[in-house]
């Protein structure tokens, strides 16, 4: 089975093994999508097509699930995944300005990834830390009670960590 440019041979083989593992399992689509996203980091259309063909379901069904659930992504994610809470508590305390500042610094919009694949930016509705509003998460790190003026130093911390890891 060949699916185009996104499927490097080893990833394609891994995806085929995942599909084979669930092939005859009822309700397999969501677990297959989760495991495929672990392999690829996101779910490009070529991977969705391969899953649809492998499980014998329609591409529309696969795409519908991918776009319905927020844990699935159609776009690549960076090493550092930035989520800005835009839920009510965070929004009224300035999360919009924080989101705009991050977008300005990284030169990306919501759902995008920096060209070097270091950062990605997404908005979310609630991270369950309303008492710390406004809140951002970078991977598992939570930053609360923020102002837009604090964002450059936070981003710089991750830029420095990335530089040290090379």
C-alpha atoms as a PDB file:
ATOM      1  CA  UNK A   1       0.000   0.000   0.000  1.00  0.00           C
ATOM      2  CA  UNK A   2       1.536   3.354  -1.005  1.00  0.00           C
ATOM      3  CA  UNK A   3       0.207   6.697   0.132  1.00  0.00           C
ATOM      4  CA  UNK A   4       2.515   9.411  -1.163  1.00  0.00           C
ATOM      5  CA  UNK A   5       5.068  11.741   0.270  1.00  0.00           C
ATOM      6  CA  UNK A   6       4.245  11.739   3.984  1.00  0.00           C
ATOM      7  CA  UNK A   7       4.772   8.034   4.508  1.00  0.00           C
ATOM      8  CA  UNK A   8       8.462   7.318   4.888  1.00  0.00           C
ATOM      9  CA  UNK A   9       8.933   3.576   4.549  1.00  0.00           C
ATOM     10  CA  UNK A  10       9.392   2.882   8.266  1.00  0.00           C
ATOM     11  CA  UNK A  11       6.408   5.029   9.234  1.00  0.00           C
ATOM     12  CA  UNK A  12       4.261   3.399   6.552  1.00  0.00           C
ATOM     13  CA  UNK A  13       5.212  -0.044   7.826  1.00  0.00           C
ATOM     14  CA  UNK A  14       4.417   1.011  11.379  1.00  0.00           C
ATOM     15  CA  UNK A  15       1.034   2.373  10.271  1.00  0.00           C
ATOM     16  CA  UNK A  16       0.281  -0.858   8.422  1.00  0.00           C
ATOM     17  CA  UNK A  17       1.036  -2.836  11.599  1.00  0.00           C
ATOM     18  CA  UNK A  18      -1.323  -0.607  13.589  1.00  0.00           C
ATOM     19  CA  UNK A  19      -4.083  -1.055  11.015  1.00  0.00           C
ATOM     20  CA  UNK A  20      -3.521  -4.822  10.932  1.00  0.00           C
ATOM     21  CA  UNK A  21      -3.699  -5.013  14.736  1.00  0.00           C
ATOM     22  CA  UNK A  22      -7.173  -3.423  14.742  1.00  0.00           C
ATOM     23  CA  UNK A  23      -8.445  -4.570  11.323  1.00  0.00           C
ATOM     24  CA  UNK A  24     -11.258  -6.784  12.597  1.00  0.00           C
ATOM     25  CA  UNK A  25     -11.986  -4.867  15.801  1.00  0.00           C
ATOM     26  CA  UNK A  26     -15.281  -3.053  16.124  1.00  0.00           C
ATOM     27  CA  UNK A  27     -14.787   0.650  16.961  1.00  0.00           C
ATOM     28  CA  UNK A  28     -11.134   0.555  15.910  1.00  0.00           C
ATOM     29  CA  UNK A  29     -11.008   3.918  14.165  1.00  0.00           C
ATOM     30  CA  UNK A  30     -10.236   6.104  17.193  1.00  0.00           C
ATOM     31  CA  UNK A  31      -7.478   3.854  18.592  1.00  0.00           C
ATOM     32  CA  UNK A  32      -5.923   3.600  15.105  1.00  0.00           C
ATOM     33  CA  UNK A  33      -6.015   7.391  14.734  1.00  0.00           C
ATOM     34  CA  UNK A  34      -4.389   7.860  18.139  1.00  0.00           C
ATOM     35  CA  UNK A  35      -1.589   5.443  17.330  1.00  0.00           C
ATOM     36  CA  UNK A  36      -1.118   6.885  13.831  1.00  0.00           C
ATOM     37  CA  UNK A  37      -0.811  10.373  15.296  1.00  0.00           C
ATOM     38  CA  UNK A  38       1.835   9.044  17.700  1.00  0.00           C
ATOM     39  CA  UNK A  39       3.798   7.819  14.668  1.00  0.00           C
ATOM     40  CA  UNK A  40       3.400  10.895  12.437  1.00  0.00           C
ATOM     41  CA  UNK A  41       2.786  13.661  14.969  1.00  0.00           C
ATOM     42  CA  UNK A  42      -0.380  14.637  13.097  1.00  0.00           C
ATOM     43  CA  UNK A  43      -2.860  13.113  10.627  1.00  0.00           C
ATOM     44  CA  UNK A  44      -2.252  14.343   7.081  1.00  0.00           C
ATOM     45  CA  UNK A  45      -4.766  13.385   4.386  1.00  0.00           C
ATOM     46  CA  UNK A  46      -2.504  10.669   2.963  1.00  0.00           C
ATOM     47  CA  UNK A  47      -2.459   8.925   6.369  1.00  0.00           C
ATOM     48  CA  UNK A  48      -6.221   9.289   6.705  1.00  0.00           C
ATOM     49  CA  UNK A  49      -6.659   7.698   3.260  1.00  0.00           C
ATOM     50  CA  UNK A  50      -4.389   4.802   4.201  1.00  0.00           C
ATOM     51  CA  UNK A  51      -6.378   4.235   7.418  1.00  0.00           C
ATOM     52  CA  UNK A  52      -9.716   4.386   5.559  1.00  0.00           C
ATOM     53  CA  UNK A  53      -8.537   1.857   2.994  1.00  0.00           C
ATOM     54  CA  UNK A  54      -6.966  -0.397   5.620  1.00  0.00           C
ATOM     55  CA  UNK A  55     -10.012  -0.455   7.891  1.00  0.00           C
ATOM     56  CA  UNK A  56     -12.552  -0.532   5.075  1.00  0.00           C
ATOM     57  CA  UNK A  57     -14.281   2.684   6.141  1.00  0.00           C
ATOM     58  CA  UNK A  58     -14.974   5.808   4.143  1.00  0.00           C
ATOM     59  CA  UNK A  59     -12.491   8.667   4.062  1.00  0.00           C
ATOM     60  CA  UNK A  60     -15.399  10.923   5.071  1.00  0.00           C
ATOM     61  CA  UNK A  61     -15.833   8.899   8.273  1.00  0.00           C
ATOM     62  CA  UNK A  62     -12.129   9.142   9.081  1.00  0.00           C
ATOM     63  CA  UNK A  63     -12.000  12.872   8.335  1.00  0.00           C
ATOM     64  CA  UNK A  64     -15.176  13.439  10.356  1.00  0.00           C
ATOM     65  CA  UNK A  65     -13.635  11.845  13.447  1.00  0.00           C
ATOM     66  CA  UNK A  66     -10.297  13.654  12.983  1.00  0.00           C
ATOM     67  CA  UNK A  67     -11.971  17.056  12.709  1.00  0.00           C
ATOM     68  CA  UNK A  68     -14.514  16.416  15.483  1.00  0.00           C
ATOM     69  CA  UNK A  69     -12.114  15.523  18.291  1.00  0.00           C
ATOM     70  CA  UNK A  70      -9.668  18.220  19.372  1.00  0.00           C
ATOM     71  CA  UNK A  71      -6.916  15.763  20.300  1.00  0.00           C
ATOM     72  CA  UNK A  72      -6.395  14.995  16.603  1.00  0.00           C
ATOM     73  CA  UNK A  73      -4.455  17.393  14.409  1.00  0.00           C
ATOM     74  CA  UNK A  74      -4.430  17.954  10.650  1.00  0.00           C
ATOM     75  CA  UNK A  75      -1.244  20.012  10.925  1.00  0.00           C
ATOM     76  CA  UNK A  76       2.238  19.177  12.164  1.00  0.00           C
ATOM     77  CA  UNK A  77       3.044  20.136  15.746  1.00  0.00           C
ATOM     78  CA  UNK A  78       6.263  21.606  17.051  1.00  0.00           C
ATOM     79  CA  UNK A  79       8.560  20.154  19.658  1.00  0.00           C
ATOM     80  CA  UNK A  80       7.062  22.751  22.008  1.00  0.00           C
ATOM     81  CA  UNK A  81       3.269  22.771  21.715  1.00  0.00           C
ATOM     82  CA  UNK A  82       1.879  26.057  22.971  1.00  0.00           C
ATOM     83  CA  UNK A  83      -1.781  26.063  23.987  1.00  0.00           C
ATOM     84  CA  UNK A  84      -3.336  29.355  24.994  1.00  0.00           C
ATOM     85  CA  UNK A  85      -6.513  29.016  27.011  1.00  0.00           C
ATOM     86  CA  UNK A  86      -9.224  31.231  25.554  1.00  0.00           C
ATOM     87  CA  UNK A  87     -11.933  30.011  27.921  1.00  0.00           C
ATOM     88  CA  UNK A  88     -14.063  32.672  29.587  1.00  0.00           C
ATOM     89  CA  UNK A  89     -11.948  33.246  32.719  1.00  0.00           C
ATOM     90  CA  UNK A  90      -8.714  33.469  30.732  1.00  0.00           C
ATOM     91  CA  UNK A  91     -10.207  35.517  27.927  1.00  0.00           C
ATOM     92  CA  UNK A  92     -11.623  38.214  30.197  1.00  0.00           C
ATOM     93  CA  UNK A  93      -8.229  38.496  31.905  1.00  0.00           C
ATOM     94  CA  UNK A  94      -6.317  39.149  28.685  1.00  0.00           C
ATOM     95  CA  UNK A  95      -5.626  35.786  27.024  1.00  0.00           C
ATOM     96  CA  UNK A  96      -6.394  37.305  23.621  1.00  0.00           C
ATOM     97  CA  UNK A  97      -3.481  39.727  23.953  1.00  0.00           C
ATOM     98  CA  UNK A  98      -1.225  36.880  25.123  1.00  0.00           C
ATOM     99  CA  UNK A  99      -2.222  34.787  22.123  1.00  0.00           C
ATOM    100  CA  UNK A 100      -1.541  37.735  19.804  1.00  0.00           C
ATOM    101  CA  UNK A 101       1.893  38.325  21.384  1.00  0.00           C
ATOM    102  CA  UNK A 102       2.913  34.683  20.925  1.00  0.00           C
ATOM    103  CA  UNK A 103       1.661  34.759  17.340  1.00  0.00           C
ATOM    104  CA  UNK A 104       3.627  37.959  16.685  1.00  0.00           C
ATOM    105  CA  UNK A 105       6.875  36.613  18.196  1.00  0.00           C
ATOM    106  CA  UNK A 106       6.734  33.231  16.452  1.00  0.00           C
ATOM    107  CA  UNK A 107       5.170  34.586  13.240  1.00  0.00           C
ATOM    108  CA  UNK A 108       2.556  31.808  13.162  1.00  0.00           C
ATOM    109  CA  UNK A 109      -1.215  31.647  13.537  1.00  0.00           C
ATOM    110  CA  UNK A 110      -3.415  29.224  15.428  1.00  0.00           C
ATOM    111  CA  UNK A 111      -2.910  25.667  14.219  1.00  0.00           C
ATOM    112  CA  UNK A 112       0.446  26.449  12.631  1.00  0.00           C
ATOM    113  CA  UNK A 113       3.984  25.326  13.316  1.00  0.00           C
ATOM    114  CA  UNK A 114       7.192  27.316  12.950  1.00  0.00           C
ATOM    115  CA  UNK A 115       9.261  26.387   9.896  1.00  0.00           C
ATOM    116  CA  UNK A 116      11.965  24.849  12.098  1.00  0.00           C
ATOM    117  CA  UNK A 117       9.272  22.653  13.781  1.00  0.00           C
ATOM    118  CA  UNK A 118      10.269  23.954  17.220  1.00  0.00           C
ATOM    119  CA  UNK A 119       6.971  25.669  18.160  1.00  0.00           C
ATOM    120  CA  UNK A 120       3.314  25.188  17.321  1.00  0.00           C
ATOM    121  CA  UNK A 121       0.463  27.382  18.510  1.00  0.00           C
ATOM    122  CA  UNK A 122      -3.112  26.465  19.316  1.00  0.00           C
ATOM    123  CA  UNK A 123      -6.017  27.964  21.194  1.00  0.00           C
ATOM    124  CA  UNK A 124      -7.989  25.800  23.592  1.00  0.00           C
ATOM    125  CA  UNK A 125     -11.150  26.388  25.575  1.00  0.00           C
ATOM    126  CA  UNK A 126     -10.143  25.408  29.103  1.00  0.00           C
ATOM    127  CA  UNK A 127      -7.178  23.786  30.806  1.00  0.00           C
ATOM    128  CA  UNK A 128      -8.884  23.569  34.189  1.00  0.00           C
ATOM    129  CA  UNK A 129      -6.767  26.250  35.840  1.00  0.00           C
ATOM    130  CA  UNK A 130      -9.264  29.108  35.904  1.00  0.00           C
ATOM    131  CA  UNK A 131      -7.886  30.418  39.205  1.00  0.00           C
ATOM    132  CA  UNK A 132      -4.585  31.090  37.414  1.00  0.00           C
ATOM    133  CA  UNK A 133      -6.165  32.938  34.479  1.00  0.00           C
ATOM    134  CA  UNK A 134      -4.873  33.778  31.960  1.00  0.00           C
ATOM    135  CA  UNK A 135      -3.057  30.501  31.349  1.00  0.00           C
ATOM    136  CA  UNK A 136      -0.853  29.004  28.661  1.00  0.00           C
ATOM    137  CA  UNK A 137       0.600  25.526  28.479  1.00  0.00           C
ATOM    138  CA  UNK A 138       3.824  24.656  26.710  1.00  0.00           C
ATOM    139  CA  UNK A 139       3.807  20.877  26.522  1.00  0.00           C
ATOM    140  CA  UNK A 140       3.188  19.969  30.186  1.00  0.00           C
ATOM    141  CA  UNK A 141       4.405  23.286  31.652  1.00  0.00           C
ATOM    142  CA  UNK A 142       1.638  25.575  32.910  1.00  0.00           C
ATOM    143  CA  UNK A 143       2.101  29.350  33.103  1.00  0.00           C
ATOM    144  CA  UNK A 144      -0.566  31.378  34.877  1.00  0.00           C
ATOM    145  CA  UNK A 145      -1.495  34.908  35.855  1.00  0.00           C
ATOM    146  CA  UNK A 146       0.323  36.110  32.753  1.00  0.00           C
ATOM    147  CA  UNK A 147       0.572  39.395  30.962  1.00  0.00           C
ATOM    148  CA  UNK A 148       1.603  39.854  27.345  1.00  0.00           C
ATOM    149  CA  UNK A 149       4.813  41.524  28.572  1.00  0.00           C
ATOM    150  CA  UNK A 150       5.963  38.206  30.132  1.00  0.00           C
ATOM    151  CA  UNK A 151       5.633  36.223  26.903  1.00  0.00           C
ATOM    152  CA  UNK A 152       8.962  37.136  25.244  1.00  0.00           C
ATOM    153  CA  UNK A 153      10.965  35.815  28.228  1.00  0.00           C
ATOM    154  CA  UNK A 154       8.942  32.582  28.329  1.00  0.00           C
ATOM    155  CA  UNK A 155       9.446  31.968  24.605  1.00  0.00           C
ATOM    156  CA  UNK A 156      13.150  32.803  24.965  1.00  0.00           C
ATOM    157  CA  UNK A 157      13.496  30.133  27.667  1.00  0.00           C
ATOM    158  CA  UNK A 158      12.423  27.473  25.167  1.00  0.00           C
ATOM    159  CA  UNK A 159      14.578  28.923  22.394  1.00  0.00           C
ATOM    160  CA  UNK A 160      17.550  28.691  24.777  1.00  0.00           C
ATOM    161  CA  UNK A 161      16.666  25.101  25.758  1.00  0.00           C
ATOM    162  CA  UNK A 162      16.462  24.163  22.085  1.00  0.00           C
ATOM    163  CA  UNK A 163      19.854  25.776  21.380  1.00  0.00           C
ATOM    164  CA  UNK A 164      21.424  23.854  24.276  1.00  0.00           C
ATOM    165  CA  UNK A 165      19.995  20.553  23.039  1.00  0.00           C
ATOM    166  CA  UNK A 166      21.821  20.853  19.702  1.00  0.00           C
END
